Amino acid sequence: MQRLVLARSQCPARVLVFEPLTPVRTGHRLIGLGRRLPSHIAIRRMGEDFRTRLGAFLISDGTDYCLRRLVDRHEALVEWRAPGAAPAR
């Protein structure tokens, strides 16, 4: 992740978490990386309206995305070069 955000400084990474206290208490490496590179990595708490979602997603540059509807399954929908579709997911 560090190499990715430093190589693409014009595109900061945004990490959304449901409960930030757990990774902070356990010393998750991503939290430390976010503290060292605050202008490249933003860690934010998920909004209350998203608490019922059981999926995960990754949006890259606003055009590519990976959507996992259930985080405990290894199935995902990946779309490349789908402008407009990625932010709507």
PDB file of N, CA and C in Angstrom:
ATOM      1  N   MET A   1       0.821  -1.171   0.000  1.00  0.00           N
ATOM      2  CA  MET A   1       0.000   0.000   0.000  1.00  0.00           C
ATOM      3  C   MET A   1       0.873   1.246   0.000  1.00  0.00           C
ATOM      4  N   GLN A   2       1.940   1.215   0.759  1.00  0.00           N
ATOM      5  CA  GLN A   2       2.821   2.379   0.822  1.00  0.00           C
ATOM      6  C   GLN A   2       3.385   2.711  -0.554  1.00  0.00           C
ATOM      7  N   ARG A   3       3.858   1.700  -1.256  1.00  0.00           N
ATOM      8  CA  ARG A   3       4.397   1.941  -2.596  1.00  0.00           C
ATOM      9  C   ARG A   3       3.327   2.482  -3.536  1.00  0.00           C
ATOM     10  N   LEU A   4       2.115   1.959  -3.414  1.00  0.00           N
ATOM     11  CA  LEU A   4       1.019   2.398  -4.271  1.00  0.00           C
ATOM     12  C   LEU A   4       0.703   3.877  -4.056  1.00  0.00           C
ATOM     13  N   VAL A   5       0.515   4.290  -2.814  1.00  0.00           N
ATOM     14  CA  VAL A   5       0.129   5.684  -2.564  1.00  0.00           C
ATOM     15  C   VAL A   5       1.271   6.652  -2.839  1.00  0.00           C
ATOM     16  N   LEU A   6       2.503   6.222  -2.629  1.00  0.00           N
ATOM     17  CA  LEU A   6       3.621   7.113  -2.924  1.00  0.00           C
ATOM     18  C   LEU A   6       3.849   7.242  -4.424  1.00  0.00           C
ATOM     19  N   ALA A   7       3.591   6.185  -5.175  1.00  0.00           N
ATOM     20  CA  ALA A   7       3.747   6.241  -6.626  1.00  0.00           C
ATOM     21  C   ALA A   7       2.641   7.057  -7.283  1.00  0.00           C
ATOM     22  N   ARG A   8       1.474   7.071  -6.668  1.00  0.00           N
ATOM     23  CA  ARG A   8       0.309   7.795  -7.209  1.00  0.00           C
ATOM     24  C   ARG A   8      -0.118   8.883  -6.241  1.00  0.00           C
ATOM     25  N   SER A   9       0.729   9.847  -6.010  1.00  0.00           N
ATOM     26  CA  SER A   9       0.447  10.861  -4.995  1.00  0.00           C
ATOM     27  C   SER A   9      -0.755  11.734  -5.343  1.00  0.00           C
ATOM     28  N   GLN A  10      -1.129  11.796  -6.614  1.00  0.00           N
ATOM     29  CA  GLN A  10      -2.294  12.588  -7.007  1.00  0.00           C
ATOM     30  C   GLN A  10      -3.610  11.877  -6.696  1.00  0.00           C
ATOM     31  N   CYS A  11      -3.546  10.595  -6.329  1.00  0.00           N
ATOM     32  CA  CYS A  11      -4.738   9.809  -6.004  1.00  0.00           C
ATOM     33  C   CYS A  11      -4.599   9.223  -4.602  1.00  0.00           C
ATOM     34  N   PRO A  12      -5.002   9.962  -3.580  1.00  0.00           N
ATOM     35  CA  PRO A  12      -4.865   9.427  -2.218  1.00  0.00           C
ATOM     36  C   PRO A  12      -5.788   8.234  -1.986  1.00  0.00           C
ATOM     37  N   ALA A  13      -5.386   7.365  -1.076  1.00  0.00           N
ATOM     38  CA  ALA A  13      -6.199   6.197  -0.718  1.00  0.00           C
ATOM     39  C   ALA A  13      -7.157   6.598   0.399  1.00  0.00           C
ATOM     40  N   ARG A  14      -8.364   6.094   0.318  1.00  0.00           N
ATOM     41  CA  ARG A  14      -9.361   6.336   1.367  1.00  0.00           C
ATOM     42  C   ARG A  14      -9.805   4.983   1.902  1.00  0.00           C
ATOM     43  N   VAL A  15      -9.658   4.790   3.194  1.00  0.00           N
ATOM     44  CA  VAL A  15      -9.998   3.529   3.843  1.00  0.00           C
ATOM     45  C   VAL A  15     -11.194   3.787   4.747  1.00  0.00           C
ATOM     46  N   LEU A  16     -12.246   3.007   4.565  1.00  0.00           N
ATOM     47  CA  LEU A  16     -13.448   3.143   5.390  1.00  0.00           C
ATOM     48  C   LEU A  16     -13.543   1.951   6.333  1.00  0.00           C
ATOM     49  N   VAL A  17     -13.778   2.216   7.606  1.00  0.00           N
ATOM     50  CA  VAL A  17     -13.898   1.147   8.598  1.00  0.00           C
ATOM     51  C   VAL A  17     -15.197   1.319   9.369  1.00  0.00           C
ATOM     52  N   PHE A  18     -15.758   0.181   9.812  1.00  0.00           N
ATOM     53  CA  PHE A  18     -16.972   0.236  10.617  1.00  0.00           C
ATOM     54  C   PHE A  18     -16.664   0.690  12.037  1.00  0.00           C
ATOM     55  N   GLU A  19     -15.700   0.064  12.643  1.00  0.00           N
ATOM     56  CA  GLU A  19     -15.361   0.352  14.036  1.00  0.00           C
ATOM     57  C   GLU A  19     -13.866   0.622  14.118  1.00  0.00           C
ATOM     58  N   PRO A  20     -13.452   1.884  14.169  1.00  0.00           N
ATOM     59  CA  PRO A  20     -12.015   2.187  14.139  1.00  0.00           C
ATOM     60  C   PRO A  20     -11.254   1.814  15.402  1.00  0.00           C
ATOM     61  N   LEU A  21     -11.919   1.643  16.524  1.00  0.00           N
ATOM     62  CA  LEU A  21     -11.207   1.343  17.763  1.00  0.00           C
ATOM     63  C   LEU A  21     -10.512  -0.011  17.731  1.00  0.00           C
ATOM     64  N   THR A  22     -11.108  -0.997  17.075  1.00  0.00           N
ATOM     65  CA  THR A  22     -10.507  -2.329  17.024  1.00  0.00           C
ATOM     66  C   THR A  22      -9.151  -2.320  16.326  1.00  0.00           C
ATOM     67  N   PRO A  23      -9.032  -1.780  15.111  1.00  0.00           N
ATOM     68  CA  PRO A  23      -7.697  -1.761  14.494  1.00  0.00           C
ATOM     69  C   PRO A  23      -6.699  -0.874  15.244  1.00  0.00           C
ATOM     70  N   VAL A  24      -7.172   0.172  15.880  1.00  0.00           N
ATOM     71  CA  VAL A  24      -6.272   1.029  16.657  1.00  0.00           C
ATOM     72  C   VAL A  24      -5.732   0.262  17.861  1.00  0.00           C
ATOM     73  N   ARG A  25      -6.609  -0.444  18.571  1.00  0.00           N
ATOM     74  CA  ARG A  25      -6.191  -1.209  19.754  1.00  0.00           C
ATOM     75  C   ARG A  25      -5.234  -2.344  19.404  1.00  0.00           C
ATOM     76  N   THR A  26      -5.504  -3.016  18.290  1.00  0.00           N
ATOM     77  CA  THR A  26      -4.669  -4.161  17.913  1.00  0.00           C
ATOM     78  C   THR A  26      -3.399  -3.740  17.178  1.00  0.00           C
ATOM     79  N   GLY A  27      -3.269  -2.460  16.879  1.00  0.00           N
ATOM     80  CA  GLY A  27      -2.070  -1.974  16.221  1.00  0.00           C
ATOM     81  C   GLY A  27      -1.964  -2.383  14.764  1.00  0.00           C
ATOM     82  N   HIS A  28      -3.079  -2.337  14.052  1.00  0.00           N
ATOM     83  CA  HIS A  28      -3.077  -2.703  12.635  1.00  0.00           C
ATOM     84  C   HIS A  28      -2.070  -1.846  11.877  1.00  0.00           C
ATOM     85  N   ARG A  29      -1.317  -2.478  10.986  1.00  0.00           N
ATOM     86  CA  ARG A  29      -0.259  -1.777  10.257  1.00  0.00           C
ATOM     87  C   ARG A  29      -0.793  -0.660   9.369  1.00  0.00           C
ATOM     88  N   LEU A  30      -2.008  -0.794   8.882  1.00  0.00           N
ATOM     89  CA  LEU A  30      -2.581   0.247   8.033  1.00  0.00           C
ATOM     90  C   LEU A  30      -2.820   1.541   8.821  1.00  0.00           C
ATOM     91  N   ILE A  31      -3.149   1.416  10.092  1.00  0.00           N
ATOM     92  CA  ILE A  31      -3.340   2.600  10.936  1.00  0.00           C
ATOM     93  C   ILE A  31      -2.003   3.334  11.083  1.00  0.00           C
ATOM     94  N   GLY A  32      -0.941   2.599  11.352  1.00  0.00           N
ATOM     95  CA  GLY A  32       0.380   3.210  11.459  1.00  0.00           C
ATOM     96  C   GLY A  32       0.821   3.869  10.165  1.00  0.00           C
ATOM     97  N   LEU A  33       0.540   3.214   9.049  1.00  0.00           N
ATOM     98  CA  LEU A  33       0.879   3.771   7.746  1.00  0.00           C
ATOM     99  C   LEU A  33       0.094   5.054   7.490  1.00  0.00           C
ATOM    100  N   GLY A  34      -1.172   5.061   7.866  1.00  0.00           N
ATOM    101  CA  GLY A  34      -1.986   6.263   7.713  1.00  0.00           C
ATOM    102  C   GLY A  34      -1.486   7.415   8.569  1.00  0.00           C
ATOM    103  N   ARG A  35      -0.950   7.106   9.721  1.00  0.00           N
ATOM    104  CA  ARG A  35      -0.380   8.149  10.595  1.00  0.00           C
ATOM    105  C   ARG A  35       0.924   8.700  10.023  1.00  0.00           C
ATOM    106  N   ARG A  36       1.709   7.841   9.371  1.00  0.00           N
ATOM    107  CA  ARG A  36       2.970   8.292   8.780  1.00  0.00           C
ATOM    108  C   ARG A  36       2.760   9.050   7.471  1.00  0.00           C
ATOM    109  N   LEU A  37       1.687   8.723   6.753  1.00  0.00           N
ATOM    110  CA  LEU A  37       1.416   9.337   5.446  1.00  0.00           C
ATOM    111  C   LEU A  37       0.017   9.950   5.408  1.00  0.00           C
ATOM    112  N   PRO A  38      -0.280  10.913   6.275  1.00  0.00           N
ATOM    113  CA  PRO A  38      -1.655  11.437   6.349  1.00  0.00           C
ATOM    114  C   PRO A  38      -2.121  12.166   5.093  1.00  0.00           C
ATOM    115  N   SER A  39      -1.204  12.679   4.291  1.00  0.00           N
ATOM    116  CA  SER A  39      -1.628  13.353   3.060  1.00  0.00           C
ATOM    117  C   SER A  39      -1.889  12.361   1.932  1.00  0.00           C
ATOM    118  N   HIS A  40      -1.540  11.088   2.134  1.00  0.00           N
ATOM    119  CA  HIS A  40      -1.738  10.063   1.108  1.00  0.00           C
ATOM    120  C   HIS A  40      -2.831   9.058   1.476  1.00  0.00           C
ATOM    121  N   ILE A  41      -3.067   8.850   2.774  1.00  0.00           N
ATOM    122  CA  ILE A  41      -4.040   7.849   3.224  1.00  0.00           C
ATOM    123  C   ILE A  41      -4.996   8.491   4.220  1.00  0.00           C
ATOM    124  N   ALA A  42      -6.281   8.404   3.928  1.00  0.00           N
ATOM    125  CA  ALA A  42      -7.314   8.917   4.833  1.00  0.00           C
ATOM    126  C   ALA A  42      -8.114   7.735   5.381  1.00  0.00           C
ATOM    127  N   ILE A  43      -8.185   7.616   6.691  1.00  0.00           N
ATOM    128  CA  ILE A  43      -8.945   6.538   7.321  1.00  0.00           C
ATOM    129  C   ILE A  43     -10.167   7.177   7.969  1.00  0.00           C
ATOM    130  N   ARG A  44     -11.337   6.710   7.554  1.00  0.00           N
ATOM    131  CA  ARG A  44     -12.592   7.311   8.016  1.00  0.00           C
ATOM    132  C   ARG A  44     -13.552   6.238   8.494  1.00  0.00           C
ATOM    133  N   ARG A  45     -14.445   6.628   9.354  1.00  0.00           N
ATOM    134  CA  ARG A  45     -15.493   5.741   9.861  1.00  0.00           C
ATOM    135  C   ARG A  45     -16.663   5.730   8.875  1.00  0.00           C
ATOM    136  N   MET A  46     -17.233   4.545   8.673  1.00  0.00           N
ATOM    137  CA  MET A  46     -18.395   4.392   7.783  1.00  0.00           C
ATOM    138  C   MET A  46     -19.593   5.123   8.387  1.00  0.00           C
ATOM    139  N   GLY A  47     -20.426   5.662   7.527  1.00  0.00           N
ATOM    140  CA  GLY A  47     -21.642   6.319   7.971  1.00  0.00           C
ATOM    141  C   GLY A  47     -22.656   5.310   8.501  1.00  0.00           C
ATOM    142  N   GLU A  48     -23.533   5.771   9.346  1.00  0.00           N
ATOM    143  CA  GLU A  48     -24.545   4.895   9.955  1.00  0.00           C
ATOM    144  C   GLU A  48     -25.436   4.221   8.912  1.00  0.00           C
ATOM    145  N   ASP A  49     -25.691   4.891   7.793  1.00  0.00           N
ATOM    146  CA  ASP A  49     -26.564   4.310   6.771  1.00  0.00           C
ATOM    147  C   ASP A  49     -25.921   3.132   6.048  1.00  0.00           C
ATOM    148  N   PHE A  50     -24.616   2.926   6.206  1.00  0.00           N
ATOM    149  CA  PHE A  50     -23.930   1.803   5.573  1.00  0.00           C
ATOM    150  C   PHE A  50     -23.659   0.658   6.537  1.00  0.00           C
ATOM    151  N   ARG A  51     -24.075   0.767   7.768  1.00  0.00           N
ATOM    152  CA  ARG A  51     -23.785  -0.255   8.781  1.00  0.00           C
ATOM    153  C   ARG A  51     -24.432  -1.605   8.478  1.00  0.00           C
ATOM    154  N   THR A  52     -25.501  -1.625   7.728  1.00  0.00           N
ATOM    155  CA  THR A  52     -26.187  -2.887   7.439  1.00  0.00           C
ATOM    156  C   THR A  52     -25.593  -3.614   6.237  1.00  0.00           C
ATOM    157  N   ARG A  53     -24.715  -2.991   5.510  1.00  0.00           N
ATOM    158  CA  ARG A  53     -24.105  -3.633   4.340  1.00  0.00           C
ATOM    159  C   ARG A  53     -23.086  -4.664   4.789  1.00  0.00           C
ATOM    160  N   LEU A  54     -23.113  -5.820   4.153  1.00  0.00           N
ATOM    161  CA  LEU A  54     -22.191  -6.896   4.485  1.00  0.00           C
ATOM    162  C   LEU A  54     -21.150  -7.106   3.395  1.00  0.00           C
ATOM    163  N   GLY A  55     -21.011  -6.147   2.523  1.00  0.00           N
ATOM    164  CA  GLY A  55     -20.082  -6.293   1.413  1.00  0.00           C
ATOM    165  C   GLY A  55     -18.856  -5.427   1.574  1.00  0.00           C
ATOM    166  N   ALA A  56     -17.992  -5.513   0.578  1.00  0.00           N
ATOM    167  CA  ALA A  56     -16.787  -4.709   0.534  1.00  0.00           C
ATOM    168  C   ALA A  56     -16.594  -4.255  -0.906  1.00  0.00           C
ATOM    169  N   PHE A  57     -15.944  -3.129  -1.080  1.00  0.00           N
ATOM    170  CA  PHE A  57     -15.715  -2.654  -2.430  1.00  0.00           C
ATOM    171  C   PHE A  57     -14.415  -1.882  -2.504  1.00  0.00           C
ATOM    172  N   LEU A  58     -13.900  -1.800  -3.708  1.00  0.00           N
ATOM    173  CA  LEU A  58     -12.687  -1.051  -3.997  1.00  0.00           C
ATOM    174  C   LEU A  58     -12.958  -0.287  -5.279  1.00  0.00           C
ATOM    175  N   ILE A  59     -12.744   1.011  -5.244  1.00  0.00           N
ATOM    176  CA  ILE A  59     -12.908   1.843  -6.437  1.00  0.00           C
ATOM    177  C   ILE A  59     -11.540   2.405  -6.784  1.00  0.00           C
ATOM    178  N   SER A  60     -11.164   2.249  -8.027  1.00  0.00           N
ATOM    179  CA  SER A  60      -9.851   2.720  -8.486  1.00  0.00           C
ATOM    180  C   SER A  60     -10.047   3.806  -9.531  1.00  0.00           C
ATOM    181  N   ASP A  61      -9.574   5.001  -9.242  1.00  0.00           N
ATOM    182  CA  ASP A  61      -9.620   6.129 -10.179  1.00  0.00           C
ATOM    183  C   ASP A  61     -11.024   6.488 -10.651  1.00  0.00           C
ATOM    184  N   GLY A  62     -12.055   6.036  -9.971  1.00  0.00           N
ATOM    185  CA  GLY A  62     -13.413   6.383 -10.353  1.00  0.00           C
ATOM    186  C   GLY A  62     -13.952   5.649 -11.557  1.00  0.00           C
ATOM    187  N   THR A  63     -13.174   4.759 -12.158  1.00  0.00           N
ATOM    188  CA  THR A  63     -13.656   4.035 -13.337  1.00  0.00           C
ATOM    189  C   THR A  63     -13.619   2.523 -13.168  1.00  0.00           C
ATOM    190  N   ASP A  64     -12.735   2.011 -12.340  1.00  0.00           N
ATOM    191  CA  ASP A  64     -12.619   0.567 -12.122  1.00  0.00           C
ATOM    192  C   ASP A  64     -13.107   0.250 -10.714  1.00  0.00           C
ATOM    193  N   TYR A  65     -13.750  -0.892 -10.563  1.00  0.00           N
ATOM    194  CA  TYR A  65     -14.167  -1.261  -9.214  1.00  0.00           C
ATOM    195  C   TYR A  65     -14.237  -2.764  -9.037  1.00  0.00           C
ATOM    196  N   CYS A  66     -14.167  -3.153  -7.789  1.00  0.00           N
ATOM    197  CA  CYS A  66     -14.297  -4.550  -7.380  1.00  0.00           C
ATOM    198  C   CYS A  66     -15.331  -4.561  -6.264  1.00  0.00           C
ATOM    199  N   LEU A  67     -16.369  -5.346  -6.419  1.00  0.00           N
ATOM    200  CA  LEU A  67     -17.455  -5.400  -5.447  1.00  0.00           C
ATOM    201  C   LEU A  67     -17.620  -6.818  -4.933  1.00  0.00           C
ATOM    202  N   ARG A  68     -17.508  -6.986  -3.633  1.00  0.00           N
ATOM    203  CA  ARG A  68     -17.776  -8.275  -2.979  1.00  0.00           C
ATOM    204  C   ARG A  68     -19.051  -8.084  -2.174  1.00  0.00           C
ATOM    205  N   ARG A  69     -20.117  -8.727  -2.592  1.00  0.00           N
ATOM    206  CA  ARG A  69     -21.406  -8.547  -1.918  1.00  0.00           C
ATOM    207  C   ARG A  69     -21.403  -9.116  -0.506  1.00  0.00           C
ATOM    208  N   LEU A  70     -20.701 -10.212  -0.279  1.00  0.00           N
ATOM    209  CA  LEU A  70     -20.566 -10.807   1.053  1.00  0.00           C
ATOM    210  C   LEU A  70     -19.080 -10.966   1.342  1.00  0.00           C
ATOM    211  N   VAL A  71     -18.598 -10.338   2.406  1.00  0.00           N
ATOM    212  CA  VAL A  71     -17.160 -10.336   2.659  1.00  0.00           C
ATOM    213  C   VAL A  71     -16.613 -11.701   3.051  1.00  0.00           C
ATOM    214  N   ASP A  72     -17.455 -12.613   3.504  1.00  0.00           N
ATOM    215  CA  ASP A  72     -16.953 -13.927   3.900  1.00  0.00           C
ATOM    216  C   ASP A  72     -16.865 -14.906   2.730  1.00  0.00           C
ATOM    217  N   ARG A  73     -17.222 -14.483   1.521  1.00  0.00           N
ATOM    218  CA  ARG A  73     -17.117 -15.332   0.335  1.00  0.00           C
ATOM    219  C   ARG A  73     -16.054 -14.767  -0.590  1.00  0.00           C
ATOM    220  N   HIS A  74     -15.430 -15.629  -1.348  1.00  0.00           N
ATOM    221  CA  HIS A  74     -14.370 -15.212  -2.262  1.00  0.00           C
ATOM    222  C   HIS A  74     -14.904 -15.031  -3.676  1.00  0.00           C
ATOM    223  N   GLU A  75     -16.012 -14.350  -3.788  1.00  0.00           N
ATOM    224  CA  GLU A  75     -16.602 -14.033  -5.082  1.00  0.00           C
ATOM    225  C   GLU A  75     -16.684 -12.523  -5.203  1.00  0.00           C
ATOM    226  N   ALA A  76     -16.389 -12.021  -6.391  1.00  0.00           N
ATOM    227  CA  ALA A  76     -16.415 -10.577  -6.592  1.00  0.00           C
ATOM    228  C   ALA A  76     -16.809 -10.254  -8.019  1.00  0.00           C
ATOM    229  N   LEU A  77     -17.364  -9.091  -8.190  1.00  0.00           N
ATOM    230  CA  LEU A  77     -17.672  -8.540  -9.504  1.00  0.00           C
ATOM    231  C   LEU A  77     -16.633  -7.462  -9.771  1.00  0.00           C
ATOM    232  N   VAL A  78     -15.919  -7.576 -10.875  1.00  0.00           N
ATOM    233  CA  VAL A  78     -14.875  -6.615 -11.228  1.00  0.00           C
ATOM    234  C   VAL A  78     -15.237  -5.986 -12.563  1.00  0.00           C
ATOM    235  N   GLU A  79     -15.210  -4.682 -12.611  1.00  0.00           N
ATOM    236  CA  GLU A  79     -15.486  -3.946 -13.852  1.00  0.00           C
ATOM    237  C   GLU A  79     -14.327  -3.006 -14.128  1.00  0.00           C
ATOM    238  N   TRP A  80     -13.807  -3.042 -15.329  1.00  0.00           N
ATOM    239  CA  TRP A  80     -12.731  -2.161 -15.746  1.00  0.00           C
ATOM    240  C   TRP A  80     -13.285  -1.112 -16.696  1.00  0.00           C
ATOM    241  N   ARG A  81     -12.839   0.066 -16.537  1.00  0.00           N
ATOM    242  CA  ARG A  81     -13.231   1.183 -17.411  1.00  0.00           C
ATOM    243  C   ARG A  81     -14.752   1.317 -17.515  1.00  0.00           C
ATOM    244  N   ALA A  82     -15.359   1.459 -16.370  1.00  0.00           N
ATOM    245  CA  ALA A  82     -16.807   1.646 -16.319  1.00  0.00           C
ATOM    246  C   ALA A  82     -17.113   2.994 -15.664  1.00  0.00           C
ATOM    247  N   PRO A  83     -16.797   4.104 -16.340  1.00  0.00           N
ATOM    248  CA  PRO A  83     -17.012   5.404 -15.719  1.00  0.00           C
ATOM    249  C   PRO A  83     -18.486   5.621 -15.392  1.00  0.00           C
ATOM    250  N   GLY A  84     -18.720   6.159 -14.232  1.00  0.00           N
ATOM    251  CA  GLY A  84     -20.093   6.387 -13.794  1.00  0.00           C
ATOM    252  C   GLY A  84     -20.674   5.246 -13.025  1.00  0.00           C
ATOM    253  N   ALA A  85     -20.260   4.027 -13.308  1.00  0.00           N
ATOM    254  CA  ALA A  85     -20.777   2.851 -12.590  1.00  0.00           C
ATOM    255  C   ALA A  85     -20.093   2.689 -11.250  1.00  0.00           C
ATOM    256  N   ALA A  86     -18.817   2.964 -11.174  1.00  0.00           N
ATOM    257  CA  ALA A  86     -18.061   2.743  -9.937  1.00  0.00           C
ATOM    258  C   ALA A  86     -18.579   3.588  -8.773  1.00  0.00           C
ATOM    259  N   PRO A  87     -18.757   4.889  -8.905  1.00  0.00           N
ATOM    260  CA  PRO A  87     -19.250   5.671  -7.774  1.00  0.00           C
ATOM    261  C   PRO A  87     -20.671   5.308  -7.356  1.00  0.00           C
ATOM    262  N   ALA A  88     -21.461   4.758  -8.264  1.00  0.00           N
ATOM    263  CA  ALA A  88     -22.848   4.438  -7.945  1.00  0.00           C
ATOM    264  C   ALA A  88     -22.977   3.156  -7.129  1.00  0.00           C
ATOM    265  N   ARG A  89     -21.938   2.347  -7.055  1.00  0.00           N
ATOM    266  CA  ARG A  89     -22.021   1.068  -6.353  1.00  0.00           C
ATOM    267  C   ARG A  89     -21.999   1.222  -4.878  1.00  0.00           C
TER     268      ARG A  89
END
